[in-house]
Amino acid sequence: MSDRVAMLRGDTVYRVHWMPGADLLVGVCHCGAERDSEDPVRLWDWLLAHPAGHEPPAAGSSPEVDRAPVGARG
């Protein structure tokens, strides 16, 4: 279990971390799934859509990254 997930308690706890020095946010769901994004709205949409798309990353894999250009986002 990652340090980000270890601090979570409850079944509706979500965290958004800012990566210093970058325009990148990391969303962490209570289930352990993580996703990177530059768009806070898309990140919160993803978090609140639980469980859709929330698969905790396999051991040794990196979290899903959402870095679509601004014009390409829905």
C-alpha atoms as a PDB file:
ATOM      1  CA  MET A   1       0.000   0.000   0.000  1.00  0.00           C
ATOM      2  CA  SER A   2       1.450   3.381  -0.943  1.00  0.00           C
ATOM      3  CA  ASP A   3       1.967   6.168   1.596  1.00  0.00           C
ATOM      4  CA  ARG A   4      -0.750   8.160  -0.179  1.00  0.00           C
ATOM      5  CA  VAL A   5      -3.342   5.445   0.393  1.00  0.00           C
ATOM      6  CA  ALA A   6      -2.193   4.532   3.904  1.00  0.00           C
ATOM      7  CA  MET A   7      -3.366   7.892   5.281  1.00  0.00           C
ATOM      8  CA  LEU A   8      -6.878   7.495   3.838  1.00  0.00           C
ATOM      9  CA  ARG A   9      -9.705   6.446   6.124  1.00  0.00           C
ATOM     10  CA  GLY A  10     -13.294   5.656   5.186  1.00  0.00           C
ATOM     11  CA  ASP A  11     -14.976   4.700   1.926  1.00  0.00           C
ATOM     12  CA  THR A  12     -15.537   8.221   0.592  1.00  0.00           C
ATOM     13  CA  VAL A  13     -12.172   9.868   1.222  1.00  0.00           C
ATOM     14  CA  TYR A  14     -10.424  11.444  -1.754  1.00  0.00           C
ATOM     15  CA  ARG A  15      -7.126  13.320  -1.910  1.00  0.00           C
ATOM     16  CA  VAL A  16      -5.637  15.629  -4.512  1.00  0.00           C
ATOM     17  CA  HIS A  17      -1.916  16.292  -4.259  1.00  0.00           C
ATOM     18  CA  TRP A  18      -0.080  19.002  -6.144  1.00  0.00           C
ATOM     19  CA  MET A  19       3.314  18.041  -7.571  1.00  0.00           C
ATOM     20  CA  PRO A  20       5.629  20.963  -6.659  1.00  0.00           C
ATOM     21  CA  GLY A  21       7.400  22.489  -9.632  1.00  0.00           C
ATOM     22  CA  ALA A  22       4.829  21.167 -12.125  1.00  0.00           C
ATOM     23  CA  ASP A  23       1.265  21.812 -13.222  1.00  0.00           C
ATOM     24  CA  LEU A  24       0.421  18.260 -12.264  1.00  0.00           C
ATOM     25  CA  LEU A  25      -2.138  17.055  -9.721  1.00  0.00           C
ATOM     26  CA  VAL A  26      -2.383  13.510  -8.387  1.00  0.00           C
ATOM     27  CA  GLY A  27      -5.828  12.262  -7.388  1.00  0.00           C
ATOM     28  CA  VAL A  28      -5.934   9.385  -4.898  1.00  0.00           C
ATOM     29  CA  CYS A  29      -9.143   7.465  -4.347  1.00  0.00           C
ATOM     30  CA  HIS A  30     -10.019   5.615  -1.141  1.00  0.00           C
ATOM     31  CA  CYS A  31      -9.721   2.349  -3.090  1.00  0.00           C
ATOM     32  CA  GLY A  32      -6.058   3.029  -3.851  1.00  0.00           C
ATOM     33  CA  ALA A  33      -6.440   4.046  -7.492  1.00  0.00           C
ATOM     34  CA  GLU A  34      -4.373   7.053  -8.549  1.00  0.00           C
ATOM     35  CA  ARG A  35      -4.517   9.324 -11.571  1.00  0.00           C
ATOM     36  CA  ASP A  36      -2.386  12.288 -12.663  1.00  0.00           C
ATOM     37  CA  SER A  37      -3.899  15.265 -14.446  1.00  0.00           C
ATOM     38  CA  GLU A  38      -3.217  18.904 -15.187  1.00  0.00           C
ATOM     39  CA  ASP A  39      -6.971  19.619 -15.129  1.00  0.00           C
ATOM     40  CA  PRO A  40      -8.510  19.697 -11.624  1.00  0.00           C
ATOM     41  CA  VAL A  41     -12.068  19.414 -12.941  1.00  0.00           C
ATOM     42  CA  ARG A  42     -11.307  16.228 -14.894  1.00  0.00           C
ATOM     43  CA  LEU A  43      -9.494  14.837 -11.862  1.00  0.00           C
ATOM     44  CA  TRP A  44     -12.453  15.459  -9.538  1.00  0.00           C
ATOM     45  CA  ASP A  45     -14.869  14.080 -12.154  1.00  0.00           C
ATOM     46  CA  TRP A  46     -12.781  10.900 -12.234  1.00  0.00           C
ATOM     47  CA  LEU A  47     -12.624  10.652  -8.424  1.00  0.00           C
ATOM     48  CA  LEU A  48     -16.358  11.203  -7.958  1.00  0.00           C
ATOM     49  CA  ALA A  49     -17.276   8.692 -10.691  1.00  0.00           C
ATOM     50  CA  HIS A  50     -16.150   5.850  -8.428  1.00  0.00           C
ATOM     51  CA  PRO A  51     -16.008   2.947  -9.167  1.00  0.00           C
ATOM     52  CA  ALA A  52     -15.963   3.670 -12.937  1.00  0.00           C
ATOM     53  CA  GLY A  53     -12.357   3.474 -14.115  1.00  0.00           C
ATOM     54  CA  HIS A  54     -11.015   2.906 -10.611  1.00  0.00           C
ATOM     55  CA  GLU A  55      -8.680  -0.018 -10.776  1.00  0.00           C
ATOM     56  CA  PRO A  56      -5.835   0.177  -8.257  1.00  0.00           C
ATOM     57  CA  PRO A  57      -2.533   0.059 -10.175  1.00  0.00           C
ATOM     58  CA  ALA A  58      -0.878  -3.334 -10.461  1.00  0.00           C
ATOM     59  CA  ALA A  59       2.247  -3.774  -8.382  1.00  0.00           C
ATOM     60  CA  GLY A  60       5.189  -2.149 -10.123  1.00  0.00           C
ATOM     61  CA  SER A  61       3.096  -0.140 -12.598  1.00  0.00           C
ATOM     62  CA  SER A  62       2.739   3.614 -12.763  1.00  0.00           C
ATOM     63  CA  PRO A  63      -0.613   5.386 -12.205  1.00  0.00           C
ATOM     64  CA  GLU A  64      -2.778   6.429 -15.141  1.00  0.00           C
ATOM     65  CA  VAL A  65      -1.888   9.850 -16.522  1.00  0.00           C
ATOM     66  CA  ASP A  66      -4.361  12.323 -18.057  1.00  0.00           C
ATOM     67  CA  ARG A  67      -2.351  14.889 -19.997  1.00  0.00           C
ATOM     68  CA  ALA A  68      -4.590  15.538 -22.980  1.00  0.00           C
ATOM     69  CA  PRO A  69      -4.207  19.029 -24.483  1.00  0.00           C
ATOM     70  CA  VAL A  70      -6.752  21.503 -23.129  1.00  0.00           C
ATOM     71  CA  GLY A  71      -8.623  21.707 -26.468  1.00  0.00           C
ATOM     72  CA  ALA A  72      -8.965  17.916 -26.599  1.00  0.00           C
ATOM     73  CA  ARG A  73     -10.659  17.584 -23.230  1.00  0.00           C
ATOM     74  CA  GLY A  74     -14.366  16.917 -23.088  1.00  0.00           C
END
